[in-house]
Amino acid sequence: MTNTRLNGKVALVTGGSRGIGAAIARKLAADGAAVALTYVNSPDKARQIVAGIEAAGGRAVAIQADNRDAVAIEKSVAETVSSLGRLDILVNSAGIWRAEPIDSLSLADFDESMEVNLRAPFVASKAAAVHMGEGGRIISIGSNLAERVTDEGLTAYSTSKAALVGLTRALARDLGGRGITANVVHPGSTNTDMNPADGPYAENQRQKMAMPRFGDAEEIAGLVAWLAGPESRFVTGAALTIDGGANA
C-alpha cells in the first residue's frame, strides 16, 4: 500500500473490472480502502484487479452484478457490507455508450442508456446510503458530453449523463444533513479499450481539446480518490470536469 488517507474505509466501485472503473478500484485500494468491484461479463479481468490489490497488501472482492438488474445492484451493496464489514464510498462507474442520431435511435437503446447510466446509480446510491454515516461519499462518473454535445448521435448518452447531474445534486440535498457528499466527475476522452487514443475517432476528439491528448484512466481515478477523501468534505452537489479543456 502506498497511502493511508482512506485507511479503514470500504468502497464499492461498479464496473470496476476494466477501464476507468478498474483504475479507480486500484487507486482507492492504494490509498488504503478495502474495495469491492462489480463486473458483468469479465470475471477474469475482475479477478486480476482483485489479485493485484491483494498482492499490494490490500483487501478486495469481485461481485458479479449487471447494472440493468436493480436486484443485482442491491445485492452487490449488501455483499460488500457482508464481505468487508461496512460501506463508506460508492463509485457509480459502470456505464454504456449508445451512439445513434435521433432518427435512427431505437427506443430500446434509449431505455437501456437510462437504465444503466441513470437508474442504476439511483438504485446503488439508495441502497448504499442506508449503510453510510458521517463522511460517506457517493461519486458518479458522468461525461463532459453532458455539458457540451459536440457531435451528432449523442441523444441517449448525453441525456443520461446530464440527468445524472440532477440526480447527484438531489442526493447532495437529501444526504448533506447526514454528512454524506454526492458529486459527479465528468471525464473527457480517456484512453481505454472502449475509446482508445489510437482509435478511428480519436483525432476528431483531440481537435476539440485545449490540451490535445487523451486522458489516462489513472488521472480520472486521482480526481475520484480526492473526492473520496477527507480533503473534499465540504464539496457536494458538484460536477467536476476533467477533459483536457475540451469544454473550455
C-alpha atoms as a PDB file:
ATOM      1  CA  MET A   1       0.000   0.000   0.000  1.00  0.00           C
ATOM      2  CA  THR A   2       1.287   3.490  -0.801  1.00  0.00           C
ATOM      3  CA  ASN A   3      -1.058   5.766   1.135  1.00  0.00           C
ATOM      4  CA  THR A   4      -3.168   5.707   4.283  1.00  0.00           C
ATOM      5  CA  ARG A   5      -5.643   8.540   3.675  1.00  0.00           C
ATOM      6  CA  LEU A   6      -8.508   6.049   3.205  1.00  0.00           C
ATOM      7  CA  ASN A   7      -7.462   3.533   5.836  1.00  0.00           C
ATOM      8  CA  GLY A   8     -10.472   1.898   7.477  1.00  0.00           C
ATOM      9  CA  LYS A   9     -12.788   2.864   4.615  1.00  0.00           C
ATOM     10  CA  VAL A  10     -14.671   0.465   2.359  1.00  0.00           C
ATOM     11  CA  ALA A  11     -15.503   1.335  -1.248  1.00  0.00           C
ATOM     12  CA  LEU A  12     -17.767  -0.213  -3.861  1.00  0.00           C
ATOM     13  CA  VAL A  13     -16.899   0.535  -7.490  1.00  0.00           C
ATOM     14  CA  THR A  14     -19.471  -0.537 -10.071  1.00  0.00           C
ATOM     15  CA  GLY A  15     -17.971  -1.560 -13.391  1.00  0.00           C
ATOM     16  CA  GLY A  16     -14.608  -1.917 -11.687  1.00  0.00           C
ATOM     17  CA  SER A  17     -13.101  -4.650 -13.838  1.00  0.00           C
ATOM     18  CA  ARG A  18     -11.956  -2.507 -16.772  1.00  0.00           C
ATOM     19  CA  GLY A  19     -11.101   0.975 -17.964  1.00  0.00           C
ATOM     20  CA  ILE A  20     -11.774   3.916 -15.680  1.00  0.00           C
ATOM     21  CA  GLY A  21     -13.538   1.730 -13.110  1.00  0.00           C
ATOM     22  CA  ALA A  22     -10.523  -0.556 -12.746  1.00  0.00           C
ATOM     23  CA  ALA A  23      -8.191   2.419 -12.342  1.00  0.00           C
ATOM     24  CA  ILE A  24     -10.471   3.818  -9.636  1.00  0.00           C
ATOM     25  CA  ALA A  25     -10.572   0.494  -7.778  1.00  0.00           C
ATOM     26  CA  ARG A  26      -6.769   0.280  -7.822  1.00  0.00           C
ATOM     27  CA  LYS A  27      -6.321   3.889  -6.727  1.00  0.00           C
ATOM     28  CA  LEU A  28      -8.772   3.675  -3.812  1.00  0.00           C
ATOM     29  CA  ALA A  29      -7.042   0.486  -2.676  1.00  0.00           C
ATOM     30  CA  ALA A  30      -3.636   2.143  -2.978  1.00  0.00           C
ATOM     31  CA  ASP A  31      -4.947   4.925  -0.738  1.00  0.00           C
ATOM     32  CA  GLY A  32      -5.874   2.379   1.926  1.00  0.00           C
ATOM     33  CA  ALA A  33      -9.517   1.461   1.264  1.00  0.00           C
ATOM     34  CA  ALA A  34     -10.858  -2.072   1.072  1.00  0.00           C
ATOM     35  CA  VAL A  35     -12.560  -2.337  -2.300  1.00  0.00           C
ATOM     36  CA  ALA A  36     -15.453  -4.298  -3.773  1.00  0.00           C
ATOM     37  CA  LEU A  37     -15.896  -4.080  -7.530  1.00  0.00           C
ATOM     38  CA  THR A  38     -18.675  -5.291  -9.776  1.00  0.00           C
ATOM     39  CA  TYR A  39     -18.412  -6.829 -13.206  1.00  0.00           C
ATOM     40  CA  VAL A  40     -20.821  -8.307 -15.746  1.00  0.00           C
ATOM     41  CA  ASN A  41     -19.042 -10.477 -18.316  1.00  0.00           C
ATOM     42  CA  SER A  42     -15.352 -10.279 -17.466  1.00  0.00           C
ATOM     43  CA  PRO A  43     -14.638 -12.434 -14.389  1.00  0.00           C
ATOM     44  CA  ASP A  44     -11.013 -12.969 -15.374  1.00  0.00           C
ATOM     45  CA  LYS A  45     -10.351  -9.240 -15.552  1.00  0.00           C
ATOM     46  CA  ALA A  46     -12.135  -8.702 -12.236  1.00  0.00           C
ATOM     47  CA  ARG A  47     -10.041 -11.410 -10.597  1.00  0.00           C
ATOM     48  CA  GLN A  48      -6.889  -9.793 -11.973  1.00  0.00           C
ATOM     49  CA  ILE A  49      -7.793  -6.471 -10.374  1.00  0.00           C
ATOM     50  CA  VAL A  50      -8.527  -8.196  -7.061  1.00  0.00           C
ATOM     51  CA  ALA A  51      -5.290 -10.182  -7.237  1.00  0.00           C
ATOM     52  CA  GLY A  52      -3.264  -7.046  -7.925  1.00  0.00           C
ATOM     53  CA  ILE A  53      -4.803  -5.222  -4.971  1.00  0.00           C
ATOM     54  CA  GLU A  54      -4.193  -8.185  -2.676  1.00  0.00           C
ATOM     55  CA  ALA A  55      -0.615  -8.565  -3.897  1.00  0.00           C
ATOM     56  CA  ALA A  56      -0.016  -4.952  -2.839  1.00  0.00           C
ATOM     57  CA  GLY A  57      -1.333  -5.718   0.647  1.00  0.00           C
ATOM     58  CA  GLY A  58      -4.938  -4.560   0.216  1.00  0.00           C
ATOM     59  CA  ARG A  59      -8.341  -6.187   0.538  1.00  0.00           C
ATOM     60  CA  ALA A  60     -10.691  -6.609  -2.420  1.00  0.00           C
ATOM     61  CA  VAL A  61     -13.624  -8.690  -3.627  1.00  0.00           C
ATOM     62  CA  ALA A  62     -15.247  -9.037  -7.044  1.00  0.00           C
ATOM     63  CA  ILE A  63     -19.034  -9.283  -7.316  1.00  0.00           C
ATOM     64  CA  GLN A  64     -20.968 -10.155 -10.445  1.00  0.00           C
ATOM     65  CA  ALA A  65     -23.798  -7.673 -10.960  1.00  0.00           C
ATOM     66  CA  ASP A  66     -25.463  -6.433 -14.128  1.00  0.00           C
ATOM     67  CA  ASN A  67     -26.360  -2.747 -13.889  1.00  0.00           C
ATOM     68  CA  ARG A  68     -29.532  -3.488 -15.827  1.00  0.00           C
ATOM     69  CA  ASP A  69     -30.744  -5.544 -12.860  1.00  0.00           C
ATOM     70  CA  ALA A  70     -31.839  -3.479  -9.852  1.00  0.00           C
ATOM     71  CA  VAL A  71     -31.966  -6.533  -7.579  1.00  0.00           C
ATOM     72  CA  ALA A  72     -28.391  -7.471  -8.520  1.00  0.00           C
ATOM     73  CA  ILE A  73     -27.231  -3.942  -7.734  1.00  0.00           C
ATOM     74  CA  GLU A  74     -28.895  -4.026  -4.322  1.00  0.00           C
ATOM     75  CA  LYS A  75     -27.345  -7.419  -3.642  1.00  0.00           C
ATOM     76  CA  SER A  76     -23.889  -6.106  -4.575  1.00  0.00           C
ATOM     77  CA  VAL A  77     -24.231  -3.410  -1.913  1.00  0.00           C
ATOM     78  CA  ALA A  78     -25.333  -5.990   0.659  1.00  0.00           C
ATOM     79  CA  GLU A  79     -22.490  -8.329  -0.308  1.00  0.00           C
ATOM     80  CA  THR A  80     -19.963  -5.519   0.039  1.00  0.00           C
ATOM     81  CA  VAL A  81     -21.115  -4.845   3.582  1.00  0.00           C
ATOM     82  CA  SER A  82     -21.215  -8.568   4.386  1.00  0.00           C
ATOM     83  CA  SER A  83     -17.735  -9.251   2.975  1.00  0.00           C
ATOM     84  CA  LEU A  84     -15.895  -6.086   4.042  1.00  0.00           C
ATOM     85  CA  GLY A  85     -17.863  -5.011   7.110  1.00  0.00           C
ATOM     86  CA  ARG A  86     -19.194  -1.596   6.102  1.00  0.00           C
ATOM     87  CA  LEU A  87     -19.594   0.831   3.187  1.00  0.00           C
ATOM     88  CA  ASP A  88     -18.209   4.367   3.099  1.00  0.00           C
ATOM     89  CA  ILE A  89     -17.625   5.141  -0.579  1.00  0.00           C
ATOM     90  CA  LEU A  90     -19.774   4.332  -3.610  1.00  0.00           C
ATOM     91  CA  VAL A  91     -18.421   4.990  -7.086  1.00  0.00           C
ATOM     92  CA  ASN A  92     -21.013   4.616  -9.840  1.00  0.00           C
ATOM     93  CA  SER A  93     -18.654   3.909 -12.711  1.00  0.00           C
ATOM     94  CA  ALA A  94     -20.470   1.316 -14.827  1.00  0.00           C
ATOM     95  CA  GLY A  95     -21.960   2.772 -17.983  1.00  0.00           C
ATOM     96  CA  ILE A  96     -22.791   2.101 -21.619  1.00  0.00           C
ATOM     97  CA  TRP A  97     -22.408   4.039 -24.846  1.00  0.00           C
ATOM     98  CA  ARG A  98     -25.158   4.064 -27.461  1.00  0.00           C
ATOM     99  CA  ALA A  99     -24.431   6.487 -30.303  1.00  0.00           C
ATOM    100  CA  GLU A 100     -27.178   6.995 -32.879  1.00  0.00           C
ATOM    101  CA  PRO A 101     -28.821  10.161 -34.209  1.00  0.00           C
ATOM    102  CA  ILE A 102     -32.412  10.712 -33.149  1.00  0.00           C
ATOM    103  CA  ASP A 103     -33.918   9.487 -36.424  1.00  0.00           C
ATOM    104  CA  SER A 104     -32.310   6.054 -36.068  1.00  0.00           C
ATOM    105  CA  LEU A 105     -32.026   5.750 -32.274  1.00  0.00           C
ATOM    106  CA  SER A 106     -34.252   2.928 -31.073  1.00  0.00           C
ATOM    107  CA  LEU A 107     -36.431   3.235 -28.002  1.00  0.00           C
ATOM    108  CA  ALA A 108     -34.715   0.107 -26.670  1.00  0.00           C
ATOM    109  CA  ASP A 109     -31.276   1.757 -26.886  1.00  0.00           C
ATOM    110  CA  PHE A 110     -32.576   4.931 -25.261  1.00  0.00           C
ATOM    111  CA  ASP A 111     -34.193   2.953 -22.445  1.00  0.00           C
ATOM    112  CA  GLU A 112     -31.055   0.867 -21.909  1.00  0.00           C
ATOM    113  CA  SER A 113     -28.948   4.028 -21.684  1.00  0.00           C
ATOM    114  CA  MET A 114     -31.228   5.391 -18.986  1.00  0.00           C
ATOM    115  CA  GLU A 115     -31.343   2.041 -17.225  1.00  0.00           C
ATOM    116  CA  VAL A 116     -27.564   1.644 -16.941  1.00  0.00           C
ATOM    117  CA  ASN A 117     -26.343   5.252 -16.832  1.00  0.00           C
ATOM    118  CA  LEU A 118     -29.070   6.757 -14.626  1.00  0.00           C
ATOM    119  CA  ARG A 119     -31.363   4.236 -12.947  1.00  0.00           C
ATOM    120  CA  ALA A 120     -28.501   2.022 -11.764  1.00  0.00           C
ATOM    121  CA  PRO A 121     -26.705   4.896  -9.954  1.00  0.00           C
ATOM    122  CA  PHE A 122     -30.027   5.781  -8.303  1.00  0.00           C
ATOM    123  CA  VAL A 123     -30.559   2.193  -7.148  1.00  0.00           C
ATOM    124  CA  ALA A 124     -26.977   1.821  -5.929  1.00  0.00           C
ATOM    125  CA  SER A 125     -26.983   5.195  -4.168  1.00  0.00           C
ATOM    126  CA  LYS A 126     -30.278   4.470  -2.422  1.00  0.00           C
ATOM    127  CA  ALA A 127     -29.033   1.083  -1.219  1.00  0.00           C
ATOM    128  CA  ALA A 128     -25.603   2.376  -0.211  1.00  0.00           C
ATOM    129  CA  ALA A 129     -26.886   5.402   1.707  1.00  0.00           C
ATOM    130  CA  VAL A 130     -28.568   3.090   4.213  1.00  0.00           C
ATOM    131  CA  HIS A 131     -25.123   1.891   5.320  1.00  0.00           C
ATOM    132  CA  MET A 132     -23.268   5.208   5.228  1.00  0.00           C
ATOM    133  CA  GLY A 133     -22.598   7.519   8.119  1.00  0.00           C
ATOM    134  CA  GLU A 134     -20.773  10.817   8.557  1.00  0.00           C
ATOM    135  CA  GLY A 135     -18.091  11.072   5.901  1.00  0.00           C
ATOM    136  CA  GLY A 136     -19.877   8.889   3.357  1.00  0.00           C
ATOM    137  CA  ARG A 137     -19.142   9.558  -0.295  1.00  0.00           C
ATOM    138  CA  ILE A 138     -21.199   8.953  -3.437  1.00  0.00           C
ATOM    139  CA  ILE A 139     -19.278   9.671  -6.631  1.00  0.00           C
ATOM    140  CA  SER A 140     -20.744   9.090 -10.091  1.00  0.00           C
ATOM    141  CA  ILE A 141     -18.876   9.015 -13.372  1.00  0.00           C
ATOM    142  CA  GLY A 142     -20.592  11.271 -15.874  1.00  0.00           C
ATOM    143  CA  SER A 143     -19.178  12.707 -19.087  1.00  0.00           C
ATOM    144  CA  ASN A 144     -18.123  16.078 -20.434  1.00  0.00           C
ATOM    145  CA  LEU A 145     -20.713  15.347 -23.139  1.00  0.00           C
ATOM    146  CA  ALA A 146     -23.367  16.057 -20.519  1.00  0.00           C
ATOM    147  CA  GLU A 147     -22.306  19.705 -20.607  1.00  0.00           C
ATOM    148  CA  ARG A 148     -21.460  20.177 -24.263  1.00  0.00           C
ATOM    149  CA  VAL A 149     -22.816  17.985 -27.056  1.00  0.00           C
ATOM    150  CA  THR A 150     -20.096  18.194 -29.690  1.00  0.00           C
ATOM    151  CA  ASP A 151     -21.314  15.743 -32.324  1.00  0.00           C
ATOM    152  CA  GLU A 152     -24.464  14.112 -33.611  1.00  0.00           C
ATOM    153  CA  GLY A 153     -25.608  10.759 -32.289  1.00  0.00           C
ATOM    154  CA  LEU A 154     -25.415  11.623 -28.597  1.00  0.00           C
ATOM    155  CA  THR A 155     -29.123  11.904 -27.773  1.00  0.00           C
ATOM    156  CA  ALA A 156     -29.263   8.895 -25.450  1.00  0.00           C
ATOM    157  CA  TYR A 157     -25.787   9.187 -23.942  1.00  0.00           C
ATOM    158  CA  SER A 158     -25.702  12.929 -23.257  1.00  0.00           C
ATOM    159  CA  THR A 159     -29.247  12.892 -21.902  1.00  0.00           C
ATOM    160  CA  SER A 160     -28.438  10.097 -19.461  1.00  0.00           C
ATOM    161  CA  LYS A 161     -25.272  11.794 -18.237  1.00  0.00           C
ATOM    162  CA  ALA A 162     -26.943  15.202 -17.914  1.00  0.00           C
ATOM    163  CA  ALA A 163     -29.710  13.613 -15.857  1.00  0.00           C
ATOM    164  CA  LEU A 164     -27.019  12.087 -13.644  1.00  0.00           C
ATOM    165  CA  VAL A 165     -26.030  15.630 -12.643  1.00  0.00           C
ATOM    166  CA  GLY A 166     -29.586  16.309 -11.484  1.00  0.00           C
ATOM    167  CA  LEU A 167     -29.611  13.075  -9.504  1.00  0.00           C
ATOM    168  CA  THR A 168     -26.291  13.977  -7.888  1.00  0.00           C
ATOM    169  CA  ARG A 169     -27.447  17.432  -6.829  1.00  0.00           C
ATOM    170  CA  ALA A 170     -30.637  15.974  -5.373  1.00  0.00           C
ATOM    171  CA  LEU A 171     -28.640  13.352  -3.458  1.00  0.00           C
ATOM    172  CA  ALA A 172     -26.425  16.111  -2.083  1.00  0.00           C
ATOM    173  CA  ARG A 173     -29.518  17.830  -0.671  1.00  0.00           C
ATOM    174  CA  ASP A 174     -31.054  14.621   0.667  1.00  0.00           C
ATOM    175  CA  LEU A 175     -27.887  13.371   2.349  1.00  0.00           C
ATOM    176  CA  GLY A 176     -25.993  16.527   3.294  1.00  0.00           C
ATOM    177  CA  GLY A 177     -27.528  16.664   6.757  1.00  0.00           C
ATOM    178  CA  ARG A 178     -26.006  13.279   7.471  1.00  0.00           C
ATOM    179  CA  GLY A 179     -22.526  14.404   6.416  1.00  0.00           C
ATOM    180  CA  ILE A 180     -22.633  12.377   3.180  1.00  0.00           C
ATOM    181  CA  THR A 181     -21.449  14.067  -0.006  1.00  0.00           C
ATOM    182  CA  ALA A 182     -22.535  13.378  -3.584  1.00  0.00           C
ATOM    183  CA  ASN A 183     -20.574  14.533  -6.600  1.00  0.00           C
ATOM    184  CA  VAL A 184     -20.155  13.698 -10.272  1.00  0.00           C
ATOM    185  CA  VAL A 185     -16.917  13.543 -12.257  1.00  0.00           C
ATOM    186  CA  HIS A 186     -17.133  14.347 -15.985  1.00  0.00           C
ATOM    187  CA  PRO A 187     -14.240  12.729 -17.877  1.00  0.00           C
ATOM    188  CA  GLY A 188     -13.489  13.712 -21.400  1.00  0.00           C
ATOM    189  CA  SER A 189     -11.785  11.450 -23.921  1.00  0.00           C
ATOM    190  CA  THR A 190      -9.890   8.851 -21.896  1.00  0.00           C
ATOM    191  CA  ASN A 191      -7.634   6.139 -23.272  1.00  0.00           C
ATOM    192  CA  THR A 192      -9.455   2.867 -22.581  1.00  0.00           C
ATOM    193  CA  ASP A 193     -10.314  -0.206 -24.639  1.00  0.00           C
ATOM    194  CA  MET A 194     -13.730   1.352 -25.311  1.00  0.00           C
ATOM    195  CA  ASN A 195     -12.235   4.605 -26.660  1.00  0.00           C
ATOM    196  CA  PRO A 196      -8.544   4.075 -27.476  1.00  0.00           C
ATOM    197  CA  ALA A 197      -6.266   7.023 -28.112  1.00  0.00           C
ATOM    198  CA  ASP A 198      -5.257   5.432 -31.425  1.00  0.00           C
ATOM    199  CA  GLY A 199      -8.823   4.595 -32.482  1.00  0.00           C
ATOM    200  CA  PRO A 200     -10.586   5.762 -35.654  1.00  0.00           C
ATOM    201  CA  TYR A 201     -12.385   8.642 -33.894  1.00  0.00           C
ATOM    202  CA  ALA A 202      -9.500   9.786 -31.702  1.00  0.00           C
ATOM    203  CA  GLU A 203      -8.165  12.601 -33.888  1.00  0.00           C
ATOM    204  CA  ASN A 204     -11.583  14.239 -34.107  1.00  0.00           C
ATOM    205  CA  GLN A 205     -11.718  14.233 -30.309  1.00  0.00           C
ATOM    206  CA  ARG A 206      -8.202  15.624 -29.900  1.00  0.00           C
ATOM    207  CA  GLN A 207      -9.001  18.551 -32.185  1.00  0.00           C
ATOM    208  CA  LYS A 208     -11.622  19.735 -29.672  1.00  0.00           C
ATOM    209  CA  MET A 209      -9.225  19.860 -26.703  1.00  0.00           C
ATOM    210  CA  ALA A 210      -7.148  22.703 -25.314  1.00  0.00           C
ATOM    211  CA  MET A 211      -4.599  20.016 -24.396  1.00  0.00           C
ATOM    212  CA  PRO A 212      -4.730  17.748 -27.458  1.00  0.00           C
ATOM    213  CA  ARG A 213      -4.210  14.365 -25.861  1.00  0.00           C
ATOM    214  CA  PHE A 214      -6.386  11.679 -24.342  1.00  0.00           C
ATOM    215  CA  GLY A 215      -6.556  11.433 -20.583  1.00  0.00           C
ATOM    216  CA  ASP A 216      -5.260   8.420 -18.712  1.00  0.00           C
ATOM    217  CA  ALA A 217      -7.686   6.397 -16.598  1.00  0.00           C
ATOM    218  CA  GLU A 218      -5.340   6.986 -13.657  1.00  0.00           C
ATOM    219  CA  GLU A 219      -5.870  10.748 -13.968  1.00  0.00           C
ATOM    220  CA  ILE A 220      -9.621  10.277 -13.646  1.00  0.00           C
ATOM    221  CA  ALA A 221      -9.044   7.944 -10.708  1.00  0.00           C
ATOM    222  CA  GLY A 222      -6.946  10.588  -8.976  1.00  0.00           C
ATOM    223  CA  LEU A 223      -9.810  13.074  -9.003  1.00  0.00           C
ATOM    224  CA  VAL A 224     -12.242  10.421  -7.769  1.00  0.00           C
ATOM    225  CA  ALA A 225      -9.864   9.491  -4.952  1.00  0.00           C
ATOM    226  CA  TRP A 226      -9.643  13.133  -3.888  1.00  0.00           C
ATOM    227  CA  LEU A 227     -13.436  13.324  -3.728  1.00  0.00           C
ATOM    228  CA  ALA A 228     -13.431  10.113  -1.681  1.00  0.00           C
ATOM    229  CA  GLY A 229     -11.002  11.513   0.870  1.00  0.00           C
ATOM    230  CA  PRO A 230     -11.115  13.891   3.819  1.00  0.00           C
ATOM    231  CA  GLU A 231      -9.919  16.936   1.875  1.00  0.00           C
ATOM    232  CA  SER A 232     -13.185  17.127  -0.082  1.00  0.00           C
ATOM    233  CA  ARG A 233     -15.574  17.006   2.873  1.00  0.00           C
ATOM    234  CA  PHE A 234     -17.088  20.432   2.003  1.00  0.00           C
ATOM    235  CA  VAL A 235     -17.573  19.605  -1.694  1.00  0.00           C
ATOM    236  CA  THR A 236     -21.027  18.285  -2.550  1.00  0.00           C
ATOM    237  CA  GLY A 237     -23.517  18.639  -5.374  1.00  0.00           C
ATOM    238  CA  ALA A 238     -20.616  19.482  -7.693  1.00  0.00           C
ATOM    239  CA  ALA A 239     -19.884  18.403 -11.259  1.00  0.00           C
ATOM    240  CA  LEU A 240     -16.127  18.374 -11.832  1.00  0.00           C
ATOM    241  CA  THR A 241     -14.901  18.185 -15.432  1.00  0.00           C
ATOM    242  CA  ILE A 242     -11.559  16.588 -16.343  1.00  0.00           C
ATOM    243  CA  ASP A 243     -11.300  16.691 -20.123  1.00  0.00           C
ATOM    244  CA  GLY A 244      -8.108  18.463 -21.219  1.00  0.00           C
ATOM    245  CA  GLY A 245     -10.094  21.628 -21.854  1.00  0.00           C
ATOM    246  CA  ALA A 246     -12.426  20.139 -24.451  1.00  0.00           C
ATOM    247  CA  ASN A 247     -15.309  22.068 -22.895  1.00  0.00           C
ATOM    248  CA  ALA A 248     -13.300  25.220 -22.225  1.00  0.00           C
END
